[in-house]
Protein backbone atom coordinates (compact mmCIF):
# COMPACT_ATOMS: atom_id res chain seq x y z
CA MET A 1 183.71 13.93 158.78
CA PHE A 2 184.68 14.09 155.22
CA LEU A 3 186.06 17.82 155.62
CA LYS A 4 187.76 16.54 158.44
CA THR A 5 189.87 13.63 156.82
CA ALA A 6 190.39 16.05 153.96
CA ILE A 7 191.84 18.73 155.90
CA LYS A 8 193.86 15.71 157.88
CA ARG A 9 195.29 14.35 154.45
CA LYS A 10 196.30 18.32 153.53
CA VAL A 11 198.14 18.42 156.70
CA LEU A 12 200.04 15.40 156.14
CA LEU A 13 200.70 16.13 152.47
CA TYR A 14 202.06 19.29 153.56
CA THR A 15 204.15 17.88 156.36
CA ILE A 16 205.56 15.56 154.09
CA VAL A 17 206.16 17.74 151.44
CA ILE A 18 208.38 20.26 153.94
CA PHE A 19 210.45 17.06 155.05
CA ILE A 20 211.35 16.28 151.56
CA VAL A 21 212.11 19.44 151.05
CA ILE A 22 213.84 20.32 154.09
CA SER A 23 215.76 16.83 153.25
CA ILE A 24 216.86 18.07 149.81
CA THR A 25 217.97 21.67 151.41
CA SER A 26 219.92 19.93 154.23
CA TYR A 27 221.54 17.68 151.89
CA ILE A 28 222.49 20.38 149.40
CA PHE A 29 223.81 22.03 152.12
CA HIS A 30 226.23 19.70 153.99
CA ASN A 31 227.55 18.76 150.71
CA ASN A 32 228.52 22.31 149.56
CA ILE A 33 230.10 22.69 153.11
CA ARG A 34 231.93 19.13 152.27
CA ASP A 35 232.75 20.58 149.00
CA ARG A 36 234.07 23.83 150.32
CA SER A 37 236.07 22.44 153.25
CA LYS A 38 237.50 20.16 150.23
CA LEU A 39 238.18 23.32 148.64
CA ASP A 40 239.69 25.27 151.66
CA ARG A 41 241.96 21.98 152.25
CA THR A 42 243.75 22.74 149.23
CA PRO A 43 246.63 24.47 149.61
CA LYS A 44 246.57 27.59 147.19
CA LYS A 45 249.58 28.31 145.49
CA VAL A 46 251.16 31.36 145.83
CA THR A 47 254.74 33.06 144.70
CA ILE A 48 256.33 35.70 146.82
CA ALA A 49 259.19 37.93 145.05
CA SER A 50 261.11 39.15 148.39
CA VAL A 51 264.53 40.87 149.18
CA ASN A 52 267.24 38.84 150.84
CA ASP A 53 267.69 41.13 153.95
CA LEU A 54 265.83 42.80 156.71
CA HIS A 55 263.49 44.94 154.49
CA ALA A 56 261.24 41.91 154.17
CA ALA A 57 262.12 40.48 157.51
CA VAL A 58 258.30 39.51 158.04
CA VAL A 59 258.11 37.45 154.96
CA ASN A 60 261.02 35.34 154.86
CA LEU A 61 260.38 34.94 158.66
CA ALA A 62 256.60 33.89 157.78
CA PHE A 63 257.71 31.51 154.76
CA LYS A 64 260.72 29.66 157.64
CA LYS A 65 258.25 29.59 159.92
CA GLY A 66 255.39 27.98 158.12
CA TYR A 67 252.62 30.39 158.66
CA PHE A 68 251.96 30.89 155.31
CA LYS A 69 251.27 27.11 155.13
CA ASP A 70 249.14 27.43 158.19
CA GLU A 71 247.05 29.63 156.55
CA GLY A 72 246.39 26.90 153.52
CA LEU A 73 249.17 28.25 151.20
CA ASP A 74 251.57 26.57 149.02
CA ALA A 75 254.06 29.45 149.19
CA ASP A 76 257.16 30.04 147.03
CA ILE A 77 259.73 32.90 147.73
CA VAL A 78 261.68 34.16 144.76
CA GLN A 79 264.85 36.07 146.38
CA HIS A 80 266.33 39.44 144.93
CA SER A 81 269.18 41.74 146.46
CA PHE A 82 266.69 44.65 146.00
CA GLY A 83 263.01 45.83 145.88
CA LYS A 84 263.03 47.17 142.36
CA ALA A 85 263.74 43.78 141.14
CA ALA A 86 261.43 41.75 143.62
CA LEU A 87 258.51 44.09 141.55
CA LYS A 88 259.64 43.81 138.18
CA THR A 89 259.55 40.16 138.86
CA MET A 90 255.90 40.57 139.71
CA ILE A 91 254.93 42.86 137.06
CA ALA A 92 256.61 40.63 134.26
CA GLY A 93 253.95 38.44 135.68
CA ASN A 94 256.57 35.66 137.41
CA ALA A 95 255.50 36.45 141.06
CA ASP A 96 251.79 37.16 142.66
CA PHE A 97 253.34 39.68 145.19
CA ALA A 98 256.61 41.66 145.82
CA ALA A 99 258.23 43.50 149.00
CA VAL A 100 259.53 46.49 147.69
CA ALA A 101 260.29 49.84 148.71
CA GLU A 102 257.59 52.85 147.94
CA THR A 103 259.72 54.55 145.64
CA PRO A 104 260.02 51.92 143.53
CA VAL A 105 256.24 51.38 143.42
CA MET A 106 255.54 55.52 142.89
CA PHE A 107 257.66 55.00 140.02
CA SER A 108 255.77 52.14 138.47
CA ILE A 109 252.68 53.68 139.15
CA LEU A 110 253.48 57.04 136.99
CA LYS A 111 254.09 54.57 134.21
CA GLY A 112 250.42 53.23 134.56
CA GLU A 113 251.16 49.68 135.77
CA LYS A 114 247.93 49.15 138.14
CA ILE A 115 249.43 48.11 141.42
CA TYR A 116 248.11 48.03 145.17
CA ILE A 117 250.02 48.65 147.78
CA LEU A 118 248.40 45.96 150.86
CA SER A 119 250.53 46.90 153.57
CA SER A 120 253.68 48.83 154.99
CA ILE A 121 256.14 45.63 156.45
CA GLN A 122 259.17 47.82 157.63
CA ASN A 123 260.15 51.07 158.20
CA SER A 124 263.50 53.20 159.00
CA ALA A 125 264.75 56.54 159.70
CA LYS A 126 268.40 55.46 160.01
CA ALA A 127 268.71 53.50 156.79
CA ALA A 128 270.05 56.01 154.42
CA PHE A 129 273.79 56.59 153.87
CA VAL A 130 275.98 58.99 151.53
CA ILE A 131 279.32 57.55 151.45
CA ALA A 132 282.32 59.00 149.81
CA ARG A 133 285.82 58.54 149.30
CA LYS A 134 288.46 60.59 150.99
CA ASP A 135 291.08 60.74 148.29
CA SER A 136 288.16 62.05 145.78
CA GLY A 137 288.63 65.12 148.13
CA ILE A 138 285.30 64.74 150.06
CA SER A 139 285.41 65.80 153.80
CA THR A 140 282.22 68.07 154.18
CA VAL A 141 279.30 67.85 152.46
CA ASP A 142 279.84 71.01 150.41
CA THR A 143 282.76 69.09 148.80
CA LEU A 144 280.32 66.53 146.87
CA ASN A 145 279.65 69.26 144.66
CA GLY A 146 280.24 68.51 140.82
CA LYS A 147 281.21 64.79 141.61
CA THR A 148 279.99 61.48 140.63
CA ILE A 149 277.52 59.60 142.68
CA GLY A 150 277.08 56.06 142.05
CA ILE A 151 272.83 55.31 142.81
CA PRO A 152 270.50 52.24 142.32
CA LYS A 153 268.33 54.93 140.16
CA GLY A 154 264.47 54.74 141.09
CA THR A 155 264.70 53.49 144.25
CA THR A 156 264.61 54.73 148.04
CA GLY A 157 268.34 55.81 148.07
CA ASP A 158 267.77 57.47 144.87
CA TYR A 159 265.07 59.75 146.36
CA PHE A 160 267.11 59.97 149.86
CA PHE A 161 270.04 61.66 148.08
CA TYR A 162 267.91 64.20 146.68
CA LEU A 163 266.47 65.42 149.99
CA PHE A 164 270.06 65.34 151.22
CA CYS A 165 271.05 67.62 148.32
CA MET A 166 268.19 69.72 148.96
CA VAL A 167 268.80 70.16 152.88
CA HIS A 168 272.56 70.69 152.24
CA GLY A 169 272.57 72.89 149.59
CA ILE A 170 273.91 70.56 146.96
CA LYS A 171 273.49 71.61 143.31
CA TYR A 172 271.68 68.02 142.27
CA SER A 173 271.73 69.45 138.61
CA GLU A 174 275.41 69.33 138.33
CA LEU A 175 276.29 66.17 139.46
CA LYS A 176 276.90 63.18 137.58
CA PHE A 177 274.86 60.36 138.11
CA ILE A 178 275.70 56.28 137.25
CA ASP A 179 272.99 53.78 138.00
CA LYS A 180 274.48 50.86 139.71
CA LYS A 181 272.74 47.99 141.66
CA PRO A 182 273.23 48.29 145.45
CA GLU A 183 275.92 45.31 145.62
CA GLU A 184 277.77 46.90 143.12
CA LEU A 185 278.47 49.98 144.68
CA LEU A 186 281.15 48.81 146.84
CA ASP A 187 283.47 47.65 143.92
CA ALA A 188 282.54 51.21 142.08
CA LEU A 189 283.90 53.17 145.01
CA LEU A 190 286.90 50.64 144.81
CA ARG A 191 287.71 51.00 141.46
CA GLY A 192 287.49 54.69 141.72
CA GLU A 193 284.18 54.43 139.14
CA VAL A 194 282.31 57.08 141.40
CA ASP A 195 283.39 59.47 144.08
CA ALA A 196 280.34 58.69 146.57
CA VAL A 197 277.10 56.40 146.56
CA SER A 198 273.72 56.83 148.25
CA VAL A 199 273.20 53.64 149.68
CA TRP A 200 271.02 51.61 152.28
CA GLN A 201 271.56 48.82 155.08
CA PRO A 202 273.06 46.29 154.89
CA TYR A 203 275.12 47.47 151.61
CA ALA A 204 276.26 50.70 153.61
CA LEU A 205 277.49 48.46 156.57
CA GLU A 206 279.78 45.99 154.46
CA ILE A 207 281.19 49.53 152.90
CA LEU A 208 282.09 50.80 155.50
CA LYS A 209 283.76 47.65 157.16
CA ARG A 210 285.42 47.15 153.95
CA LEU A 211 286.92 50.76 153.06
CA SER A 212 286.63 51.89 157.02
CA ASP A 213 289.04 55.21 157.31
CA LYS A 214 289.12 55.53 153.54
CA VAL A 215 285.54 57.07 153.51
CA THR A 216 283.41 60.07 154.77
CA VAL A 217 280.09 59.20 155.93
CA PHE A 218 276.92 61.43 156.45
CA GLN A 219 273.61 60.33 157.51
CA ILE A 220 271.19 62.86 158.14
CA GLU A 221 267.82 61.58 160.41
CA GLY A 222 264.59 63.14 160.05
CA ILE A 223 264.13 63.88 156.67
CA TYR A 224 263.18 60.76 155.38
CA THR A 225 261.67 57.47 156.49
CA ALA A 226 261.95 54.67 154.22
CA THR A 227 258.98 52.31 153.96
CA PHE A 228 258.89 48.74 152.42
CA THR A 229 255.76 47.42 151.82
CA LEU A 230 254.15 44.33 149.99
CA THR A 231 252.51 44.93 146.93
CA ALA A 232 250.22 42.93 144.34
CA LYS A 233 248.61 43.54 140.50
CA GLN A 234 245.38 45.33 141.51
CA GLU A 235 243.61 42.53 139.06
CA TYR A 236 245.16 39.93 141.07
CA VAL A 237 243.98 41.22 144.26
CA GLN A 238 240.53 41.74 142.97
CA ARG A 239 240.12 37.81 141.83
CA ASN A 240 242.07 36.78 145.49
CA PRO A 241 240.89 38.68 148.10
CA GLU A 242 240.97 35.63 150.58
CA ILE A 243 244.70 34.69 149.17
CA VAL A 244 245.66 38.09 150.29
CA GLU A 245 244.11 37.70 153.48
CA ARG A 246 245.92 34.73 154.37
CA ILE A 247 249.12 36.10 153.14
CA LEU A 248 248.76 39.42 155.70
CA ALA A 249 247.63 36.76 158.60
CA GLY A 250 250.96 35.12 158.02
CA LEU A 251 252.98 38.32 158.31
CA TYR A 252 251.07 39.38 161.04
CA ARG A 253 252.48 36.17 163.06
CA ALA A 254 255.51 36.78 162.00
CA GLU A 255 255.34 40.16 163.23
CA GLN A 256 254.51 39.64 166.70
CA PHE A 257 257.05 36.37 167.14
CA MET A 258 259.54 39.03 166.17
CA ARG A 259 258.63 41.14 168.70
CA GLN A 260 258.17 38.18 171.25
CA GLU A 261 261.59 36.32 170.26
CA PRO A 262 263.83 38.67 168.66
CA VAL A 263 266.98 36.41 169.42
CA LYS A 264 265.34 33.48 167.37
CA SER A 265 264.07 35.48 164.96
CA GLN A 266 267.58 37.39 164.24
CA GLU A 267 268.76 33.75 164.07
CA ILE A 268 266.34 32.36 161.81
CA LEU A 269 266.62 35.42 159.58
CA ALA A 270 270.61 35.65 159.10
CA ASP A 271 270.54 31.94 158.55
CA CYS A 272 267.92 32.31 155.70
CA CYS A 273 269.09 35.59 154.14
CA LYS A 274 273.18 34.37 154.93
CA LEU A 275 273.34 37.35 156.76
CA ASP A 276 276.41 37.35 159.07
CA ILE A 277 274.55 37.04 162.35
CA ALA A 278 276.29 39.99 164.23
CA MET A 279 275.19 42.44 161.16
CA VAL A 280 271.86 41.46 162.02
CA GLN A 281 272.12 41.99 165.42
CA GLU A 282 273.46 45.45 165.11
CA LEU A 283 270.42 46.85 162.66
CA TRP A 284 268.13 45.29 164.30
CA GLY A 285 267.27 48.66 166.76
CA VAL A 286 266.82 50.73 163.33
CA ASN A 287 264.24 48.90 161.86
CA ASN A 288 260.18 48.79 162.80
CA PHE A 289 258.61 45.88 161.31
CA ASP A 290 255.09 46.63 161.76
CA LEU A 291 252.07 46.28 159.50
CA THR A 292 250.57 49.40 158.82
CA LEU A 293 248.95 51.68 156.25
CA ASP A 294 248.90 55.30 157.36
CA GLN A 295 248.62 58.58 156.14
CA TYR A 296 252.64 59.13 155.80
CA LEU A 297 252.88 56.71 152.94
CA VAL A 298 249.99 58.51 151.14
CA ASN A 299 251.68 61.52 151.39
CA LEU A 300 255.56 60.29 150.79
CA LEU A 301 254.14 58.67 147.44
CA ASP A 302 252.70 62.51 146.50
CA ASN A 303 256.13 63.91 147.40
CA GLU A 304 258.43 61.01 145.58
CA ALA A 305 255.71 61.78 142.54
CA GLN A 306 256.13 65.89 142.33
CA TRP A 307 259.95 64.80 142.54
CA ALA A 308 259.88 62.62 139.82
CA ILE A 309 258.20 64.81 137.51
CA SER A 310 259.76 68.27 138.48
CA GLU A 311 263.11 66.97 137.93
CA HIS A 312 261.78 65.28 134.89
CA ILE A 313 263.45 61.75 135.97
CA VAL A 314 259.99 60.44 133.93
CA GLU A 315 259.26 61.91 130.76
CA THR A 316 255.85 61.01 130.53
CA HIS A 317 253.40 59.98 133.42
CA VAL A 318 250.11 59.33 134.48
CA ASP A 319 248.15 61.51 136.78
CA ALA A 320 247.49 59.03 139.92
CA ASP A 321 245.51 59.50 143.35
CA TYR A 322 247.66 57.18 145.41
CA LEU A 323 244.64 56.43 147.66
CA ASP A 324 243.67 54.68 144.63
CA TYR A 325 246.66 52.21 144.75
CA ILE A 326 246.29 51.29 148.27
CA TYR A 327 244.29 48.46 149.56
CA LEU A 328 242.84 48.85 152.72
CA SER A 329 239.93 45.82 153.05
CA GLY A 330 243.16 43.15 153.66
CA LEU A 331 244.81 44.84 156.70
CA LYS A 332 241.57 46.22 158.27
CA LYS A 333 240.46 42.25 158.45
CA VAL A 334 244.01 40.88 159.65
CA LYS A 335 245.12 44.07 161.97
CA PRO A 336 242.11 46.97 161.90
CA TYR A 337 243.96 49.24 164.39
CA ALA A 338 247.03 49.55 162.31
CA VAL A 339 244.84 51.14 159.34
CA SER A 340 244.45 54.67 159.72
CA ILE A 341 244.16 55.95 156.36
CA ILE A 342 240.90 57.65 155.45
CA LYS A 343 239.48 57.14 151.98
């Protein structure tokens, strides 16, 4: 009898202890959930250095449509006229992300900057042009030899022009180059400061509309596909992988909207980027607005680095394996089928 009573007491005691443990654990668990919910509902402040044209269309559209806000982000956009300037803003610590073409990223990495490419966000094989003054005696490709070229150095226009010269046998080393921002190229042509410029859209279209039959236009498709990317410092990405995923999720929603509602997308982008709607409509079809990470990007960065080093465009450089500068995890979670790079 005594033994049975003792056993019953132990069972009761164990039951009480288990109940208390479960109650405490449940309390802590549910309070942690509430705490996390409060944190999750608090918007995360982010700043994106973007460009006010179609190269960063998914960034600008995601912002205007409120997709970043839907992802729990308090996003601010700082606009620039070209990606190299946007990247400089991010590297200086005045933005968390930057929308920029691959060429300035390549140069920054050669200089030792620790950057991640998070995704390609736009590409085009028809965006680059060489536009020359006819009164400089330029009517055919070979008459470019020995001329003065206006070019935004360290950009896609720089690399495209190098390839253009290689394809056509132009003596690259005998040309004179003047570094100009893309928005300065039209005035440089008008003043006769340069004989020709290497430029991309929409600046090329503006030059053509202004100078019309006074210029000779060269465009070679198939030698280069310019690629715009979203980037961030490696340290920031490592500390904020969830924010990276949220940014990419917002961009992916913008990509889908652009595919489903191209007319509305064009109207929104023309308004927010202060572009003529007719120009946006004209340029729409030559751009691919896809979030991707593919092997082409890796090969392109490698080829551009070889060019920069062999032509002594960079005096000193670090040896870089560009696979180490591409962050796959974020896009794999948001749009896994778009990642085809194998490390």
